[in-house]
N, C-alpha and C. Protein backbone atom coordinates (compact mmCIF):
# COMPACT_ATOMS: atom_id res chain seq x y z
N MET A 1 126.63 118.66 128.61
CA MET A 1 127.70 117.52 129.55
C MET A 1 129.15 117.76 128.45
N THR A 2 130.01 117.62 129.00
CA THR A 2 131.23 117.85 128.97
C THR A 2 131.92 116.35 128.33
N TYR A 3 132.61 116.26 127.27
CA TYR A 3 133.24 114.93 127.07
C TYR A 3 133.93 114.29 128.49
N GLU A 4 134.51 114.89 129.48
CA GLU A 4 134.88 114.20 131.02
C GLU A 4 133.63 113.33 131.28
N GLU A 5 132.45 114.48 131.89
CA GLU A 5 131.14 114.05 132.14
C GLU A 5 130.43 112.56 131.76
N MET A 6 130.80 112.76 130.16
CA MET A 6 130.10 111.52 129.40
C MET A 6 130.74 110.21 129.67
N CYS A 7 132.39 110.68 129.50
CA CYS A 7 133.20 109.90 130.30
C CYS A 7 133.02 108.93 131.26
N ARG A 8 132.28 109.32 132.47
CA ARG A 8 132.44 108.88 133.85
C ARG A 8 130.95 108.53 133.72
N GLU A 9 129.91 109.08 133.06
CA GLU A 9 128.77 108.42 133.04
C GLU A 9 128.65 106.75 132.41
N VAL A 10 129.72 106.67 131.37
CA VAL A 10 130.01 105.15 130.84
C VAL A 10 130.65 104.33 131.67
N ARG A 11 131.34 105.21 132.62
CA ARG A 11 132.48 104.15 133.82
C ARG A 11 131.49 103.77 134.97
N GLN A 12 130.35 104.52 135.04
CA GLN A 12 129.56 104.29 136.35
C GLN A 12 128.35 103.56 135.67
N THR A 13 128.58 102.92 134.67
CA THR A 13 127.32 101.87 133.90
C THR A 13 127.91 100.41 134.09
N ASN A 14 127.25 99.65 134.10
CA ASN A 14 127.13 97.88 133.57
C ASN A 14 127.53 97.57 132.17
N LEU A 15 126.70 98.38 131.75
CA LEU A 15 126.36 97.80 130.00
C LEU A 15 126.55 99.29 129.38
N VAL A 16 126.94 99.44 127.97
CA VAL A 16 126.64 100.38 127.20
C VAL A 16 126.53 99.51 125.37
N LEU A 17 125.20 100.62 125.36
CA LEU A 17 124.79 100.16 124.32
C LEU A 17 125.08 101.67 123.04
N VAL A 18 125.51 101.30 122.25
CA VAL A 18 126.15 102.73 121.11
C VAL A 18 125.25 102.13 119.97
N GLY A 19 124.78 103.32 119.70
CA GLY A 19 124.22 103.64 118.28
C GLY A 19 125.24 104.15 117.21
N ILE A 20 125.64 103.85 116.15
CA ILE A 20 126.34 104.59 115.35
C ILE A 20 125.53 105.04 114.03
N GLY A 21 125.38 106.34 113.97
CA GLY A 21 124.20 106.47 112.58
C GLY A 21 125.09 107.25 111.78
N GLU A 22 124.31 107.49 110.55
CA GLU A 22 124.97 108.41 109.50
C GLU A 22 125.15 109.41 109.09
N ASP A 23 125.50 109.97 110.63
CA ASP A 23 125.98 111.91 110.41
C ASP A 23 126.79 112.06 111.75
N LEU A 24 128.29 111.05 111.23
CA LEU A 24 129.10 111.14 112.40
C LEU A 24 129.88 112.76 112.47
N GLY A 25 130.07 113.39 111.39
CA GLY A 25 130.79 114.60 111.02
C GLY A 25 132.37 114.37 110.41
N GLU A 26 132.95 115.14 110.18
CA GLU A 26 134.55 114.67 109.72
C GLU A 26 135.47 113.70 110.43
N ALA A 27 136.06 113.03 109.76
CA ALA A 27 136.75 112.17 110.38
C ALA A 27 136.73 111.49 111.65
N PRO A 28 135.68 110.29 111.60
CA PRO A 28 134.95 109.65 112.37
C PRO A 28 136.33 108.76 112.80
N GLU A 29 137.47 108.32 112.12
CA GLU A 29 138.26 107.50 112.48
C GLU A 29 138.61 107.82 114.18
N GLY A 30 139.02 109.03 114.58
CA GLY A 30 139.48 109.18 115.75
C GLY A 30 138.06 109.08 116.86
N LEU A 31 136.70 109.45 116.51
CA LEU A 31 135.78 109.05 117.76
C LEU A 31 135.88 107.26 117.76
N TYR A 32 136.27 106.62 116.63
CA TYR A 32 136.21 104.84 117.04
C TYR A 32 137.48 105.06 117.80
N ARG A 33 138.57 105.43 117.72
CA ARG A 33 139.70 105.36 118.34
C ARG A 33 139.06 105.48 120.11
N SER A 34 138.46 106.90 119.69
CA SER A 34 138.23 107.38 121.22
C SER A 34 136.98 106.20 121.59
N LEU A 35 136.34 106.06 121.11
CA LEU A 35 134.98 105.13 121.55
C LEU A 35 135.57 103.70 122.14
N SER A 36 136.70 103.18 121.34
CA SER A 36 137.50 101.94 121.83
C SER A 36 138.40 101.93 123.32
N GLY A 37 138.45 103.12 123.58
CA GLY A 37 139.35 103.26 124.44
C GLY A 37 138.23 103.38 125.91
N LEU A 38 137.04 104.55 125.66
CA LEU A 38 136.11 104.60 126.46
C LEU A 38 135.28 102.96 127.07
N LEU A 39 135.16 102.44 125.84
CA LEU A 39 134.30 101.12 126.17
C LEU A 39 135.26 99.81 126.62
N GLU A 40 136.60 100.04 126.95
CA GLU A 40 137.63 99.00 127.27
C GLU A 40 137.09 98.72 128.50
N LYS A 41 137.29 97.47 129.05
CA LYS A 41 136.76 96.73 130.11
C LYS A 41 135.12 96.82 130.35
N LYS A 42 134.43 97.44 129.17
CA LYS A 42 132.96 96.99 129.35
C LYS A 42 132.07 96.31 128.52
N ASP A 43 131.22 95.64 129.09
CA ASP A 43 130.12 95.59 128.55
C ASP A 43 129.56 96.18 127.63
N TYR A 44 129.55 95.62 126.17
CA TYR A 44 128.92 96.79 125.19
C TYR A 44 128.88 96.09 123.94
N PHE A 45 127.73 96.74 123.04
CA PHE A 45 127.35 96.26 122.04
C PHE A 45 127.27 97.41 121.25
N ILE A 46 127.43 97.55 119.83
CA ILE A 46 127.53 98.60 118.96
C ILE A 46 126.41 98.35 117.62
N VAL A 47 125.56 99.02 117.17
CA VAL A 47 124.64 99.11 116.47
C VAL A 47 124.90 99.91 115.48
N THR A 48 125.54 99.58 113.77
CA THR A 48 126.14 100.86 113.34
C THR A 48 125.34 100.21 112.18
N LEU A 49 125.27 101.94 111.43
CA LEU A 49 124.63 101.78 109.90
C LEU A 49 125.73 102.34 109.19
N GLN A 50 127.23 102.58 110.02
CA GLN A 50 128.20 102.83 108.59
C GLN A 50 128.79 100.66 108.84
N GLY A 51 130.28 101.33 108.02
CA GLY A 51 130.58 99.62 107.92
C GLY A 51 131.40 99.00 109.34
N ARG A 52 131.19 97.86 109.44
CA ARG A 52 132.16 97.30 110.54
C ARG A 52 133.57 97.56 110.65
N ARG A 53 134.28 97.77 109.17
CA ARG A 53 135.63 97.31 109.26
C ARG A 53 136.45 98.48 110.27
N GLU A 54 136.28 99.67 110.02
CA GLU A 54 136.82 100.85 110.74
C GLU A 54 136.57 100.56 112.50
N LEU A 55 135.41 100.23 112.47
CA LEU A 55 135.07 99.79 114.15
C LEU A 55 136.17 98.68 114.72
N GLU A 56 136.56 97.99 114.16
CA GLU A 56 137.24 96.80 114.54
C GLU A 56 138.66 97.24 113.96
N ALA A 57 138.85 97.99 113.03
CA ALA A 57 140.25 98.48 113.23
C ALA A 57 140.90 99.52 113.98
N ALA A 58 139.66 99.49 114.65
CA ALA A 58 140.34 100.65 116.15
C ALA A 58 140.14 100.03 117.65
N GLY A 59 139.98 98.86 117.14
CA GLY A 59 140.54 97.86 118.35
C GLY A 59 139.05 97.34 118.92
N LEU A 60 137.59 97.53 118.55
CA LEU A 60 136.47 97.26 119.12
C LEU A 60 136.41 95.71 118.73
N GLN A 61 135.48 95.05 119.45
CA GLN A 61 135.19 93.45 119.13
C GLN A 61 134.47 93.27 117.98
N ALA A 62 134.39 92.40 117.54
CA ALA A 62 133.93 92.31 116.00
C ALA A 62 132.74 91.30 116.61
N GLU A 63 132.67 90.70 117.89
CA GLU A 63 131.34 89.83 117.97
C GLU A 63 130.78 90.98 118.81
N GLN A 64 130.65 91.95 118.98
CA GLN A 64 130.05 92.77 120.11
C GLN A 64 129.50 93.83 118.68
N ILE A 65 129.66 94.11 117.52
CA ILE A 65 129.32 95.02 116.62
C ILE A 65 127.99 94.19 115.78
N THR A 66 127.24 94.45 115.31
CA THR A 66 126.19 94.42 114.66
C THR A 66 125.86 95.89 113.29
N ALA A 67 126.17 95.45 111.82
CA ALA A 67 125.50 96.35 111.21
C ALA A 67 124.98 95.60 110.28
N PRO A 68 123.19 95.89 110.37
CA PRO A 68 122.19 95.01 110.13
C PRO A 68 121.77 95.99 108.46
N LEU A 69 122.59 96.61 108.10
CA LEU A 69 122.17 96.98 106.78
C LEU A 69 123.24 97.25 105.44
N ALA A 70 124.40 96.28 106.37
CA ALA A 70 125.87 96.27 105.56
C ALA A 70 125.58 95.09 104.60
N ASP A 71 126.28 95.20 103.47
CA ASP A 71 125.88 94.47 102.55
C ASP A 71 126.94 93.43 103.04
N GLY A 72 126.52 91.91 102.80
CA GLY A 72 127.33 90.74 103.63
C GLY A 72 127.33 90.41 105.03
N GLU A 73 126.33 91.76 105.67
CA GLU A 73 126.51 91.19 107.20
C GLU A 73 125.37 90.01 107.24
N ASP A 74 125.60 88.96 107.71
CA ASP A 74 124.61 88.22 108.40
C ASP A 74 123.64 88.51 109.40
N MET A 75 122.84 87.42 109.77
CA MET A 75 121.48 87.56 110.74
C MET A 75 122.26 87.46 112.19
N SER A 76 123.45 86.59 112.02
CA SER A 76 123.98 85.82 113.51
C SER A 76 124.14 87.26 114.55
N SER A 77 124.97 88.40 113.50
CA SER A 77 125.46 89.35 114.57
C SER A 77 123.87 90.22 115.17
N TRP A 78 123.05 90.21 114.71
CA TRP A 78 121.91 90.81 115.28
C TRP A 78 121.20 89.79 116.04
N ASP A 79 121.12 88.69 115.92
CA ASP A 79 120.94 87.71 116.76
C ASP A 79 121.76 87.54 117.79
N ARG A 80 123.09 88.22 118.06
CA ARG A 80 123.62 88.51 119.49
C ARG A 80 123.20 89.56 120.08
N TYR A 81 123.31 90.45 119.10
CA TYR A 81 122.73 91.68 119.86
C TYR A 81 121.41 91.50 120.37
N LEU A 82 120.31 91.00 120.06
CA LEU A 82 119.04 90.91 120.57
C LEU A 82 119.31 90.37 121.70
N ASN A 83 120.09 88.78 121.95
CA ASN A 83 120.18 88.32 123.22
C ASN A 83 121.16 89.12 124.25
N TRP A 84 122.01 89.51 123.68
CA TRP A 84 122.63 90.92 125.00
C TRP A 84 121.67 91.81 125.41
N LEU A 85 121.06 92.41 124.39
CA LEU A 85 119.99 93.27 124.95
C LEU A 85 118.71 92.45 126.12
N SER A 86 118.29 91.08 125.41
CA SER A 86 117.16 90.84 126.51
C SER A 86 117.99 90.96 127.96
N PHE A 87 119.44 91.01 128.54
CA PHE A 87 120.13 90.76 129.28
C PHE A 87 119.89 91.99 129.82
N THR A 88 119.78 93.52 129.39
CA THR A 88 120.15 94.90 129.88
C THR A 88 118.55 95.16 130.72
N LEU A 89 117.42 94.68 130.68
CA LEU A 89 116.51 95.04 131.53
C LEU A 89 116.48 95.23 132.70
N ASN A 90 116.55 95.75 133.61
CA ASN A 90 116.88 96.25 135.16
C ASN A 90 118.77 96.63 135.42
N GLN A 91 118.92 96.88 134.42
CA GLN A 91 120.34 97.26 134.86
C GLN A 91 120.77 98.22 134.53
N LYS A 92 121.88 98.68 135.17
CA LYS A 92 122.36 100.11 134.55
C LYS A 92 122.63 100.37 133.48
N LEU A 93 122.13 100.79 132.45
CA LEU A 93 122.93 100.59 131.32
C LEU A 93 123.03 102.33 130.62
N CYS A 94 123.85 102.68 129.56
CA CYS A 94 124.10 103.71 129.54
C CYS A 94 123.45 103.43 127.57
N ILE A 95 122.85 104.54 127.33
CA ILE A 95 122.90 104.41 126.15
C ILE A 95 123.54 105.26 125.42
N LEU A 96 124.51 105.49 124.32
CA LEU A 96 125.08 106.38 123.58
C LEU A 96 125.16 106.20 122.35
N GLU A 97 124.19 107.51 121.52
CA GLU A 97 123.67 107.73 120.32
C GLU A 97 124.67 108.69 119.78
N LEU A 98 124.95 107.80 118.38
CA LEU A 98 126.39 109.45 118.17
C LEU A 98 125.83 109.55 116.36
N GLY A 99 125.26 110.18 116.26
CA GLY A 99 125.09 110.74 115.04
C GLY A 99 124.04 109.91 113.97
N VAL A 100 123.10 109.71 115.17
CA VAL A 100 121.53 108.84 114.00
C VAL A 100 120.43 110.00 114.03
N GLY A 101 120.22 109.70 112.99
CA GLY A 101 119.00 110.90 112.11
C GLY A 101 118.20 109.94 111.75
N PHE A 102 117.66 110.28 110.84
CA PHE A 102 115.98 109.72 110.24
C PHE A 102 116.22 108.95 109.32
N GLN A 103 117.60 108.75 108.30
CA GLN A 103 117.63 107.72 107.28
C GLN A 103 117.30 106.76 107.61
N LYS A 104 117.11 105.59 109.10
CA LYS A 104 116.58 104.24 109.41
C LYS A 104 116.58 104.37 110.86
N PRO A 105 115.50 105.56 111.02
CA PRO A 105 115.07 105.55 112.29
C PRO A 105 114.68 104.09 113.64
N GLU A 106 113.90 103.19 113.00
CA GLU A 106 113.14 102.30 112.82
C GLU A 106 114.90 100.66 113.23
N THR A 107 116.03 101.01 112.87
CA THR A 107 117.06 100.47 113.32
C THR A 107 117.50 100.93 114.69
N ILE A 108 117.90 102.08 114.89
CA ILE A 108 118.55 102.57 115.74
C ILE A 108 117.65 103.53 116.89
N ARG A 109 117.78 104.97 116.27
CA ARG A 109 116.79 106.02 117.26
C ARG A 109 115.75 105.50 118.10
N PHE A 110 114.46 104.88 117.19
CA PHE A 110 113.62 104.00 118.22
C PHE A 110 113.25 103.28 118.78
N PRO A 111 114.49 102.38 118.75
CA PRO A 111 114.42 100.79 119.63
C PRO A 111 114.94 101.13 120.77
N PHE A 112 116.42 102.49 120.47
CA PHE A 112 117.19 102.92 121.63
C PHE A 112 116.12 103.59 122.68
N GLU A 113 115.61 103.95 122.13
CA GLU A 113 114.59 104.98 123.03
C GLU A 113 113.56 104.20 123.74
N LYS A 114 113.01 103.55 122.89
CA LYS A 114 111.90 102.27 123.44
C LYS A 114 112.51 101.81 124.60
N THR A 115 114.01 100.91 124.66
CA THR A 115 114.75 100.21 125.76
C THR A 115 115.02 101.10 126.76
N CYS A 116 115.58 102.35 126.59
CA CYS A 116 115.32 103.38 127.74
C CYS A 116 114.32 103.51 128.53
N TYR A 117 113.41 103.48 127.93
CA TYR A 117 112.25 103.92 128.15
C TYR A 117 111.57 102.69 128.75
N PHE A 118 111.79 101.79 128.87
CA PHE A 118 111.13 100.58 129.20
C PHE A 118 112.78 99.89 130.64
N ASN A 119 113.62 100.44 130.49
CA ASN A 119 114.71 100.43 131.40
C ASN A 119 115.23 101.81 132.34
N GLN A 120 114.63 101.41 133.53
CA GLN A 120 114.35 103.06 134.33
C GLN A 120 115.41 103.08 134.82
N LYS A 121 116.43 102.10 134.45
CA LYS A 121 118.13 102.32 135.42
C LYS A 121 119.11 102.77 134.18
N SER A 122 118.69 103.35 132.88
CA SER A 122 118.81 103.72 131.94
C SER A 122 119.40 105.02 131.66
N THR A 123 120.63 105.56 131.20
CA THR A 123 120.63 107.31 131.04
C THR A 123 121.63 107.32 129.45
N TYR A 124 120.42 108.01 128.55
CA TYR A 124 120.83 108.11 127.43
C TYR A 124 121.40 109.55 126.88
N ILE A 125 122.22 109.03 126.06
CA ILE A 125 123.26 110.48 125.91
C ILE A 125 123.07 110.52 124.40
N ARG A 126 122.54 111.25 123.66
CA ARG A 126 122.14 111.79 121.87
C ARG A 126 122.95 112.91 121.67
N ILE A 127 124.43 112.49 121.15
CA ILE A 127 125.05 113.65 120.03
C ILE A 127 124.72 113.70 118.82
N HIS A 128 124.25 114.78 118.32
CA HIS A 128 124.06 114.86 116.76
C HIS A 128 123.90 116.64 116.20
N ASP A 129 124.47 116.69 115.62
CA ASP A 129 124.78 118.39 115.30
C ASP A 129 123.19 119.25 114.86
N ARG A 130 122.76 118.24 114.12
CA ARG A 130 120.89 118.76 114.02
C ARG A 130 119.77 118.15 114.80
N LEU A 131 119.71 116.95 114.75
CA LEU A 131 118.60 115.77 115.43
C LEU A 131 118.66 115.93 116.93
N TRP A 132 118.97 116.49 117.89
CA TRP A 132 119.95 116.31 119.23
C TRP A 132 118.95 115.75 120.32
N GLN A 133 117.46 116.53 120.02
CA GLN A 133 116.39 116.74 120.77
C GLN A 133 115.99 115.13 121.36
N LEU A 134 115.42 114.99 122.65
CA LEU A 134 115.18 113.82 122.78
C LEU A 134 113.35 113.91 123.40
N SER A 135 112.87 112.61 122.91
CA SER A 135 111.43 112.37 123.17
C SER A 135 111.38 112.90 124.75
N ALA A 136 110.20 112.93 124.97
CA ALA A 136 109.81 114.03 126.19
C ALA A 136 109.56 112.61 127.36
N GLU A 137 109.41 111.57 127.11
CA GLU A 137 109.36 109.80 127.73
C GLU A 137 110.70 109.64 128.06
N ILE A 138 111.78 110.53 127.29
CA ILE A 138 112.76 109.60 128.03
C ILE A 138 113.80 110.95 128.80
N ALA A 139 113.36 112.22 128.44
CA ALA A 139 114.09 113.29 128.75
C ALA A 139 114.84 113.29 129.83
N ASP A 140 114.03 112.92 130.92
CA ASP A 140 114.57 113.14 132.83
C ASP A 140 115.37 111.97 132.72
N ARG A 141 116.05 111.10 131.27
CA ARG A 141 117.24 110.53 132.17
C ARG A 141 118.02 110.48 130.51
N GLY A 142 117.59 111.48 130.21
CA GLY A 142 118.57 111.73 129.31
C GLY A 142 119.27 113.01 128.94
N VAL A 143 120.20 112.85 128.09
CA VAL A 143 121.25 114.44 127.66
C VAL A 143 121.20 114.42 126.45
N SER A 144 121.31 115.80 125.91
CA SER A 144 121.40 115.86 124.30
C SER A 144 122.49 116.57 124.10
N ILE A 145 123.07 116.61 123.24
CA ILE A 145 124.65 117.27 122.75
C ILE A 145 124.04 117.76 121.43
N ARG A 146 124.46 119.00 121.25
CA ARG A 146 124.08 119.50 119.85
C ARG A 146 125.59 119.76 119.29
N GLN A 147 126.32 118.90 118.82
CA GLN A 147 127.46 118.82 118.20
C GLN A 147 127.62 117.47 117.40
N ALA A 148 128.18 117.57 116.22
CA ALA A 148 128.32 116.58 115.56
C ALA A 148 129.65 115.67 116.26
N PRO A 149 129.15 114.28 116.61
CA PRO A 149 129.61 113.37 117.17
C PRO A 149 131.41 113.33 117.48
N ALA A 150 131.84 113.46 116.00
CA ALA A 150 133.42 113.50 115.39
C ALA A 150 134.11 114.23 116.61
N GLU A 151 133.21 115.59 116.38
CA GLU A 151 134.15 117.10 116.91
C GLU A 151 133.84 117.06 118.65
N PHE A 152 132.98 116.53 119.13
CA PHE A 152 132.78 116.66 120.29
C PHE A 152 133.85 115.05 120.84
N PHE A 153 134.35 114.38 120.43
CA PHE A 153 135.00 113.48 120.97
C PHE A 153 136.57 114.01 120.79
N ALA A 154 136.79 114.47 119.83
CA ALA A 154 137.70 115.14 119.47
C ALA A 154 138.25 116.25 120.06
N GLU A 155 137.59 117.14 120.29
CA GLU A 155 137.75 118.47 121.17
C GLU A 155 137.62 117.67 122.62
N GLY A 156 136.57 116.92 123.33
CA GLY A 156 137.18 116.58 124.80
C GLY A 156 138.05 115.65 124.70
N LYS A 157 139.10 115.05 124.02
CA LYS A 157 140.12 114.19 123.85
C LYS A 157 141.20 115.64 123.77
N GLU A 158 140.75 116.44 123.52
CA GLU A 158 142.15 117.47 123.44
C GLU A 158 141.98 118.28 125.02
N GLU A 159 140.51 118.51 125.48
CA GLU A 159 140.54 119.28 126.97
C GLU A 159 141.14 118.16 127.73
N LEU A 160 141.12 116.85 127.56
CA LEU A 160 141.97 115.83 128.44
C LEU A 160 142.97 116.02 128.24
N GLN A 161 143.92 116.32 127.16
CA GLN A 161 145.46 116.32 127.46
C GLN A 161 145.88 117.53 128.36
């Protein structure tokens, strides 16, 4: 899958669920700016293992981000996420997983796979340089990209210019 194909997939969906993990690669600020543009005018929610400040600085909406493992993060953002997620079943959903490894798989990796498994209208896009493989249960509706997310977004933006 190319960057352009990923953008097309996101544009064709009603909802976008984004997971941001610990393995983004170098210079994730550019990735955050690209992600902000990609999600513009979309109904999205972001679950991040990184801090939320950089995402907000890139133009992503604070009320659509939860950082459950960050210091000072209260449970209200997690509750908003769970509420948003409850409305995704049987909706066209694109799940975009960026650099999520096995540091805390119970926060993003496993729940996102489960969401895809139960929502037959969903598409899963996993971008990771070492842990790109998809489970057999969702492989028919998923794409795995073997590259660091920051590099994938940077190269894709360059190709489109």
